[in-house]
N, C-alpha and C. Protein backbone atom coordinates (compact mmCIF):
# COMPACT_ATOMS: atom_id res chain seq x y z
N UNK A 1 -20.83 61.05 3.99
CA UNK A 1 -20.31 62.05 3.07
C UNK A 1 -21.11 61.90 1.80
N UNK A 2 -21.52 63.11 1.35
CA UNK A 2 -22.37 63.18 0.11
C UNK A 2 -21.39 63.30 -1.10
N UNK A 3 -21.60 62.50 -2.18
CA UNK A 3 -20.74 62.55 -3.35
C UNK A 3 -21.60 63.22 -4.52
N UNK A 4 -20.89 64.22 -5.12
CA UNK A 4 -21.53 64.82 -6.28
C UNK A 4 -20.60 64.71 -7.49
N UNK A 5 -21.20 64.29 -8.62
CA UNK A 5 -20.29 64.19 -9.91
C UNK A 5 -20.48 65.45 -10.78
N UNK A 6 -19.45 65.83 -11.32
CA UNK A 6 -19.24 66.95 -12.25
C UNK A 6 -18.55 66.55 -13.54
N UNK A 7 -18.64 67.36 -14.47
CA UNK A 7 -17.83 67.13 -15.76
C UNK A 7 -17.33 68.57 -16.14
N UNK A 8 -16.15 68.56 -16.86
CA UNK A 8 -15.76 69.88 -17.32
C UNK A 8 -14.78 69.80 -18.45
N UNK A 9 -14.42 70.86 -19.07
CA UNK A 9 -13.51 70.86 -20.26
C UNK A 9 -12.31 71.85 -19.98
N UNK A 10 -11.12 71.39 -20.45
CA UNK A 10 -10.00 72.25 -20.46
C UNK A 10 -9.86 72.60 -21.97
N UNK A 11 -10.36 73.73 -22.31
CA UNK A 11 -10.63 74.14 -23.74
C UNK A 11 -9.48 75.04 -24.15
N UNK A 12 -8.74 74.59 -25.25
CA UNK A 12 -7.60 75.37 -25.70
C UNK A 12 -7.88 76.06 -27.13
N UNK A 13 -7.28 77.19 -27.28
CA UNK A 13 -7.32 77.78 -28.66
C UNK A 13 -5.90 78.32 -28.79
N UNK A 14 -5.04 77.57 -29.56
CA UNK A 14 -3.64 77.90 -29.65
C UNK A 14 -2.99 77.79 -28.32
N UNK A 15 -2.32 78.89 -27.72
CA UNK A 15 -1.70 78.84 -26.52
C UNK A 15 -2.61 79.50 -25.41
N UNK A 16 -3.83 79.54 -25.58
CA UNK A 16 -4.83 80.03 -24.59
C UNK A 16 -5.79 79.05 -24.04
N UNK A 17 -6.19 79.21 -22.85
CA UNK A 17 -7.23 78.29 -22.22
C UNK A 17 -8.45 79.08 -21.91
N UNK A 18 -9.65 78.43 -21.95
CA UNK A 18 -10.86 79.14 -21.70
C UNK A 18 -11.07 79.00 -20.16
N UNK A 19 -11.27 80.16 -19.46
CA UNK A 19 -11.58 80.24 -18.11
C UNK A 19 -12.88 80.98 -17.83
N UNK A 20 -13.43 80.69 -16.69
CA UNK A 20 -14.71 81.31 -16.33
C UNK A 20 -14.46 82.14 -15.02
N UNK A 21 -15.03 83.31 -14.86
CA UNK A 21 -14.84 84.02 -13.66
C UNK A 21 -16.17 83.86 -12.79
N UNK A 22 -16.00 83.28 -11.56
CA UNK A 22 -17.19 83.18 -10.77
C UNK A 22 -16.91 83.80 -9.31
N UNK A 23 -17.74 83.58 -8.46
CA UNK A 23 -17.54 84.23 -7.18
C UNK A 23 -16.22 83.89 -6.39
N UNK A 24 -15.65 82.66 -6.86
CA UNK A 24 -14.41 82.29 -6.25
C UNK A 24 -13.22 82.76 -6.94
N UNK A 25 -13.43 83.30 -8.21
CA UNK A 25 -12.24 83.71 -8.98
C UNK A 25 -12.27 82.94 -10.28
N UNK A 26 -11.14 82.93 -11.01
CA UNK A 26 -11.07 82.31 -12.30
C UNK A 26 -10.82 80.73 -12.17
N UNK A 27 -11.80 80.04 -12.90
CA UNK A 27 -11.80 78.54 -12.80
C UNK A 27 -12.04 78.07 -14.07
N UNK A 28 -11.89 76.74 -14.27
CA UNK A 28 -12.20 75.89 -15.47
C UNK A 28 -13.72 75.71 -15.55
N UNK A 29 -14.31 75.76 -16.64
CA UNK A 29 -15.77 75.52 -16.84
C UNK A 29 -16.18 74.03 -16.56
N UNK A 30 -17.11 73.89 -15.64
CA UNK A 30 -17.62 72.62 -15.14
C UNK A 30 -19.11 72.70 -14.88
N UNK A 31 -19.73 71.49 -14.78
CA UNK A 31 -21.14 71.40 -14.54
C UNK A 31 -21.48 70.16 -13.82
N UNK A 32 -22.47 70.27 -12.87
CA UNK A 32 -22.84 69.07 -12.15
C UNK A 32 -23.61 68.22 -13.06
N UNK A 33 -23.43 66.84 -12.89
CA UNK A 33 -24.11 65.87 -13.70
C UNK A 33 -25.44 65.41 -12.97
N UNK A 34 -26.46 65.21 -13.78
CA UNK A 34 -27.69 64.61 -13.29
C UNK A 34 -27.67 63.15 -13.63
N UNK A 35 -28.48 62.38 -13.01
CA UNK A 35 -28.59 60.95 -13.25
C UNK A 35 -28.87 60.69 -14.66
N UNK A 36 -28.10 59.82 -15.22
CA UNK A 36 -28.34 59.35 -16.67
C UNK A 36 -27.64 60.18 -17.67
N UNK A 37 -27.07 61.31 -17.32
CA UNK A 37 -26.44 62.16 -18.31
C UNK A 37 -25.01 61.68 -18.58
N UNK A 38 -24.54 61.92 -19.85
CA UNK A 38 -23.28 61.51 -20.28
C UNK A 38 -22.28 62.63 -20.09
N UNK A 39 -21.15 62.44 -19.28
CA UNK A 39 -20.20 63.48 -18.94
C UNK A 39 -19.72 64.26 -20.21
N UNK A 40 -19.33 63.53 -21.28
CA UNK A 40 -18.84 64.25 -22.47
C UNK A 40 -19.92 65.21 -23.11
N UNK A 41 -21.16 64.77 -23.12
CA UNK A 41 -22.18 65.59 -23.75
C UNK A 41 -22.44 66.80 -22.86
N UNK A 42 -22.47 66.67 -21.59
CA UNK A 42 -22.77 67.68 -20.65
C UNK A 42 -21.63 68.78 -20.76
N UNK A 43 -20.43 68.29 -20.86
CA UNK A 43 -19.21 69.14 -20.80
C UNK A 43 -19.32 70.04 -22.00
N UNK A 44 -19.61 69.49 -23.19
CA UNK A 44 -19.58 70.20 -24.45
C UNK A 44 -20.76 71.22 -24.41
N UNK A 45 -21.94 70.78 -23.98
CA UNK A 45 -23.09 71.60 -23.88
C UNK A 45 -22.92 72.83 -22.95
N UNK A 46 -22.28 72.54 -21.84
CA UNK A 46 -21.97 73.65 -20.88
C UNK A 46 -21.08 74.72 -21.44
N UNK A 47 -20.05 74.26 -22.13
CA UNK A 47 -19.14 75.21 -22.68
C UNK A 47 -19.82 76.02 -23.78
N UNK A 48 -20.61 75.42 -24.60
CA UNK A 48 -21.38 76.14 -25.58
C UNK A 48 -22.28 77.09 -25.01
N UNK A 49 -23.09 76.69 -23.98
CA UNK A 49 -24.12 77.50 -23.37
C UNK A 49 -23.50 78.69 -22.65
N UNK A 50 -22.39 78.50 -21.94
CA UNK A 50 -21.81 79.56 -21.09
C UNK A 50 -21.05 80.50 -21.94
N UNK A 51 -20.36 80.16 -23.02
CA UNK A 51 -19.42 80.92 -23.69
C UNK A 51 -19.78 81.18 -25.19
N UNK A 52 -20.60 80.42 -25.74
CA UNK A 52 -20.78 80.41 -27.16
C UNK A 52 -19.77 79.72 -27.99
N UNK A 53 -18.80 79.07 -27.19
CA UNK A 53 -17.68 78.41 -27.88
C UNK A 53 -18.01 77.04 -28.33
N UNK A 54 -17.74 76.65 -29.67
CA UNK A 54 -18.01 75.32 -30.13
C UNK A 54 -16.66 74.65 -30.00
N UNK A 55 -16.64 73.45 -29.20
CA UNK A 55 -15.43 72.80 -29.01
C UNK A 55 -15.55 71.27 -29.47
N UNK A 56 -14.45 70.65 -29.66
CA UNK A 56 -14.47 69.26 -29.91
C UNK A 56 -13.50 68.51 -28.82
N UNK A 57 -13.92 67.42 -28.32
CA UNK A 57 -13.13 66.65 -27.40
C UNK A 57 -12.01 66.00 -28.10
N UNK A 58 -10.74 66.26 -27.67
CA UNK A 58 -9.61 65.54 -28.31
C UNK A 58 -8.99 64.37 -27.51
N UNK A 59 -9.31 64.47 -26.20
CA UNK A 59 -8.88 63.46 -25.38
C UNK A 59 -9.68 63.46 -23.95
N UNK A 60 -9.74 62.26 -23.43
CA UNK A 60 -10.13 62.17 -22.00
C UNK A 60 -9.05 62.76 -21.14
N UNK A 61 -9.35 63.41 -20.06
CA UNK A 61 -8.30 64.00 -19.20
C UNK A 61 -8.35 63.56 -17.80
N UNK A 62 -9.07 62.46 -17.53
CA UNK A 62 -9.00 61.90 -16.26
C UNK A 62 -10.01 62.53 -15.31
N UNK A 63 -9.76 62.31 -13.97
CA UNK A 63 -10.74 62.75 -12.96
C UNK A 63 -10.00 63.41 -11.87
N UNK A 64 -10.56 64.43 -11.27
CA UNK A 64 -9.97 65.04 -10.09
C UNK A 64 -11.21 65.04 -9.01
N UNK A 65 -10.76 65.24 -7.78
CA UNK A 65 -11.78 65.29 -6.76
C UNK A 65 -11.28 66.19 -5.58
N UNK A 66 -12.20 66.62 -4.86
CA UNK A 66 -11.88 67.37 -3.67
C UNK A 66 -13.00 67.23 -2.59
N UNK A 67 -12.61 67.35 -1.39
CA UNK A 67 -13.64 67.34 -0.23
C UNK A 67 -13.77 68.73 0.37
N UNK A 68 -14.92 68.94 0.91
CA UNK A 68 -15.14 70.14 1.71
C UNK A 68 -16.28 69.94 2.67
N UNK A 69 -16.33 70.75 3.72
CA UNK A 69 -17.40 70.61 4.70
C UNK A 69 -18.36 71.86 4.55
N UNK A 70 -19.57 71.54 4.29
CA UNK A 70 -20.69 72.60 4.13
C UNK A 70 -21.16 73.03 5.55
N UNK A 71 -20.82 74.18 5.89
CA UNK A 71 -21.28 74.70 7.16
C UNK A 71 -22.85 74.90 7.24
N UNK A 72 -23.41 75.26 6.11
CA UNK A 72 -24.83 75.42 6.13
C UNK A 72 -25.57 74.14 6.23
N UNK A 73 -25.02 73.17 5.64
CA UNK A 73 -25.72 71.82 5.68
C UNK A 73 -25.16 70.91 6.75
N UNK A 74 -24.04 71.36 7.43
CA UNK A 74 -23.30 70.58 8.48
C UNK A 74 -23.07 69.12 8.01
N UNK A 75 -22.52 69.03 6.82
CA UNK A 75 -22.18 67.69 6.27
C UNK A 75 -20.98 67.79 5.32
N UNK A 76 -20.12 66.81 5.23
CA UNK A 76 -19.07 66.76 4.25
C UNK A 76 -19.51 66.33 2.86
N UNK A 77 -18.78 66.95 1.87
CA UNK A 77 -19.07 66.56 0.50
C UNK A 77 -17.85 66.14 -0.25
N UNK A 78 -17.92 65.30 -1.18
CA UNK A 78 -16.87 64.93 -2.15
C UNK A 78 -17.28 65.20 -3.52
N UNK A 79 -16.68 66.11 -4.16
CA UNK A 79 -16.93 66.31 -5.56
C UNK A 79 -15.93 65.71 -6.52
N UNK A 80 -16.47 64.93 -7.46
CA UNK A 80 -15.53 64.21 -8.33
C UNK A 80 -15.88 64.81 -9.73
N UNK A 81 -14.86 65.21 -10.47
CA UNK A 81 -14.94 65.98 -11.73
C UNK A 81 -14.27 65.04 -12.81
N UNK A 82 -14.98 64.68 -13.83
CA UNK A 82 -14.48 64.09 -15.08
C UNK A 82 -14.07 65.25 -16.06
N UNK A 83 -12.83 65.07 -16.57
CA UNK A 83 -12.34 66.25 -17.44
C UNK A 83 -12.05 65.82 -18.81
N UNK A 84 -12.20 66.71 -19.78
CA UNK A 84 -11.88 66.45 -21.10
C UNK A 84 -10.97 67.58 -21.74
N UNK A 85 -9.97 67.16 -22.51
CA UNK A 85 -9.08 68.20 -23.24
C UNK A 85 -9.87 68.45 -24.50
N UNK A 86 -10.09 69.74 -24.72
CA UNK A 86 -10.87 70.18 -25.88
C UNK A 86 -10.14 71.21 -26.76
N UNK A 87 -10.58 71.23 -28.06
CA UNK A 87 -10.02 72.25 -28.93
C UNK A 87 -11.21 73.12 -29.35
N UNK A 88 -10.97 74.42 -29.20
CA UNK A 88 -12.03 75.37 -29.66
C UNK A 88 -12.11 75.41 -31.17
N UNK A 89 -13.31 75.46 -31.79
CA UNK A 89 -13.57 75.66 -33.09
C UNK A 89 -13.77 77.08 -33.44
N UNK A 90 -13.92 78.01 -32.44
CA UNK A 90 -14.03 79.43 -32.64
C UNK A 90 -13.52 80.12 -31.51
N UNK A 91 -13.08 81.36 -31.66
CA UNK A 91 -12.57 82.07 -30.54
C UNK A 91 -13.39 83.22 -30.02
N UNK A 92 -14.52 83.56 -30.61
CA UNK A 92 -15.34 84.61 -30.26
C UNK A 92 -16.28 84.07 -29.22
N UNK A 93 -16.26 84.71 -27.99
CA UNK A 93 -17.11 84.32 -26.87
C UNK A 93 -18.35 85.16 -26.99
N UNK A 94 -19.39 84.40 -26.88
CA UNK A 94 -20.81 85.04 -26.89
C UNK A 94 -21.49 84.54 -25.63
N UNK A 95 -21.51 85.43 -24.65
CA UNK A 95 -22.09 85.06 -23.39
C UNK A 95 -23.57 85.61 -23.29
N UNK A 96 -24.35 84.84 -22.52
CA UNK A 96 -25.66 85.31 -22.24
C UNK A 96 -25.58 86.51 -21.30
N UNK A 97 -26.47 87.41 -21.34
CA UNK A 97 -26.31 88.69 -20.52
C UNK A 97 -26.23 88.48 -19.09
N UNK A 98 -26.81 87.50 -18.51
CA UNK A 98 -26.80 87.21 -17.08
C UNK A 98 -25.64 86.26 -16.69
N UNK A 99 -24.93 85.82 -17.74
CA UNK A 99 -23.82 84.84 -17.46
C UNK A 99 -22.51 85.45 -16.89
N UNK A 100 -21.77 84.60 -16.31
CA UNK A 100 -20.55 85.09 -15.73
C UNK A 100 -19.57 85.21 -16.85
N UNK A 101 -18.48 85.83 -16.64
CA UNK A 101 -17.44 86.18 -17.60
C UNK A 101 -16.66 84.97 -18.02
N UNK A 102 -16.48 84.85 -19.34
CA UNK A 102 -15.61 83.79 -19.88
C UNK A 102 -14.49 84.57 -20.68
N UNK A 103 -13.33 83.91 -20.72
CA UNK A 103 -12.27 84.55 -21.53
C UNK A 103 -11.22 83.37 -21.89
N UNK A 104 -10.57 83.61 -23.12
CA UNK A 104 -9.43 82.77 -23.42
C UNK A 104 -8.36 83.52 -22.93
N UNK A 105 -7.51 82.88 -22.09
CA UNK A 105 -6.38 83.49 -21.36
C UNK A 105 -5.02 82.79 -21.78
N UNK A 106 -3.93 83.47 -21.94
CA UNK A 106 -2.66 82.92 -22.36
C UNK A 106 -2.32 82.01 -21.09
N UNK A 107 -1.70 80.81 -21.46
CA UNK A 107 -1.42 79.82 -20.45
C UNK A 107 -0.61 80.46 -19.18
N UNK A 108 0.40 81.23 -19.52
CA UNK A 108 1.22 81.78 -18.41
C UNK A 108 0.39 82.76 -17.49
N UNK A 109 -0.50 83.55 -18.16
CA UNK A 109 -1.35 84.42 -17.37
C UNK A 109 -2.36 83.61 -16.60
N UNK A 110 -2.81 82.46 -17.15
CA UNK A 110 -3.80 81.68 -16.47
C UNK A 110 -3.31 81.10 -15.17
N UNK A 111 -2.01 80.72 -15.19
CA UNK A 111 -1.35 80.24 -14.02
C UNK A 111 -1.34 81.30 -12.81
N UNK A 112 -1.30 82.53 -13.18
CA UNK A 112 -1.30 83.65 -12.21
C UNK A 112 -2.70 83.93 -11.67
N UNK A 113 -3.75 83.76 -12.54
CA UNK A 113 -5.05 84.26 -12.09
C UNK A 113 -6.01 83.14 -11.60
N UNK A 114 -5.72 81.81 -11.89
CA UNK A 114 -6.58 80.81 -11.48
C UNK A 114 -6.57 80.69 -10.08
N UNK A 115 -7.70 80.39 -9.48
CA UNK A 115 -7.93 80.27 -7.97
C UNK A 115 -7.29 79.00 -7.39
N UNK A 116 -7.47 77.90 -8.10
CA UNK A 116 -7.17 76.58 -7.43
C UNK A 116 -5.90 75.93 -7.99
N UNK A 117 -5.02 75.52 -7.16
CA UNK A 117 -3.73 74.94 -7.60
C UNK A 117 -4.09 73.61 -8.40
N UNK A 118 -5.09 72.85 -8.01
CA UNK A 118 -5.49 71.70 -8.75
C UNK A 118 -5.81 72.03 -10.27
N UNK A 119 -6.51 73.12 -10.38
CA UNK A 119 -6.85 73.58 -11.80
C UNK A 119 -5.55 73.94 -12.57
N UNK A 120 -4.66 74.59 -11.96
CA UNK A 120 -3.39 74.96 -12.59
C UNK A 120 -2.62 73.80 -13.03
N UNK A 121 -2.58 72.79 -12.17
CA UNK A 121 -1.81 71.46 -12.56
C UNK A 121 -2.52 70.76 -13.63
N UNK A 122 -3.88 70.90 -13.68
CA UNK A 122 -4.70 70.19 -14.76
C UNK A 122 -4.40 70.83 -16.10
N UNK A 123 -4.35 72.29 -16.05
CA UNK A 123 -4.10 73.07 -17.30
C UNK A 123 -2.80 72.74 -17.78
N UNK A 124 -1.70 72.62 -16.95
CA UNK A 124 -0.36 72.30 -17.43
C UNK A 124 -0.31 70.99 -18.08
N UNK A 125 -0.83 69.91 -17.35
CA UNK A 125 -0.81 68.55 -17.92
C UNK A 125 -1.69 68.48 -19.18
N UNK A 126 -2.86 69.18 -19.21
CA UNK A 126 -3.75 69.15 -20.37
C UNK A 126 -3.09 69.84 -21.59
N UNK A 127 -2.27 70.90 -21.35
CA UNK A 127 -1.74 71.58 -22.43
C UNK A 127 -0.70 70.74 -23.10
N UNK A 128 0.05 70.01 -22.31
CA UNK A 128 1.09 69.06 -22.88
C UNK A 128 0.35 67.98 -23.77
N UNK A 129 -0.74 67.45 -23.28
CA UNK A 129 -1.57 66.44 -23.98
C UNK A 129 -2.13 67.16 -25.21
N UNK A 130 -2.66 68.37 -25.15
CA UNK A 130 -3.20 69.07 -26.36
C UNK A 130 -2.15 69.27 -27.40
N UNK A 131 -1.00 69.71 -27.08
CA UNK A 131 0.04 69.95 -28.01
C UNK A 131 0.49 68.60 -28.67
N UNK A 132 0.59 67.54 -27.95
CA UNK A 132 0.91 66.27 -28.54
C UNK A 132 -0.17 65.75 -29.46
N UNK A 133 -1.41 65.96 -29.21
CA UNK A 133 -2.46 65.62 -30.06
C UNK A 133 -2.45 66.45 -31.33
N UNK A 134 -2.16 67.79 -31.18
CA UNK A 134 -2.05 68.64 -32.26
C UNK A 134 -0.89 68.18 -33.27
N UNK A 135 0.29 67.87 -32.61
CA UNK A 135 1.36 67.39 -33.53
C UNK A 135 1.02 66.15 -34.22
N UNK A 136 0.42 65.23 -33.57
CA UNK A 136 -0.05 64.02 -34.29
C UNK A 136 -1.01 64.21 -35.43
N UNK A 137 -1.96 65.11 -35.29
CA UNK A 137 -2.83 65.45 -36.34
C UNK A 137 -2.31 66.21 -37.41
N UNK A 138 -1.18 66.99 -37.13
CA UNK A 138 -0.51 67.71 -38.15
C UNK A 138 0.47 66.79 -39.03
N UNK A 139 1.00 65.70 -38.41
CA UNK A 139 1.85 64.69 -39.11
C UNK A 139 1.08 63.74 -40.00
N UNK A 140 -0.27 63.77 -39.90
CA UNK A 140 -1.04 62.79 -40.65
C UNK A 140 -1.47 63.34 -41.98
């Protein structure tokens, strides 16, 4: 089995989450890691490049993984994704012209349009963590 490492961000702006539309549907932004790269740096860079959003990491969000079989390569893969909860510093999305669509979507709507159940669960748990971190910072 071939193992690939990825990193991604669950980026919030108020009660909205940043999603990307790709060929599979609406998903969370993520990027494959190359050898020697730091997951937090790659996640922030990817979000900035894809959407023009400046974000800050407020918490580590753990790791998810999934397996699939590539029919073209005739081999199984394991994708491991390191996630970060992030807070958007701006709401205006500035995409490159050949880039896929990005949008901040209300949490409830996101649950209806996201492709993968694993992403839906991650957004729910991350939003709880995000609100807790926001309350802590507001109380200081």
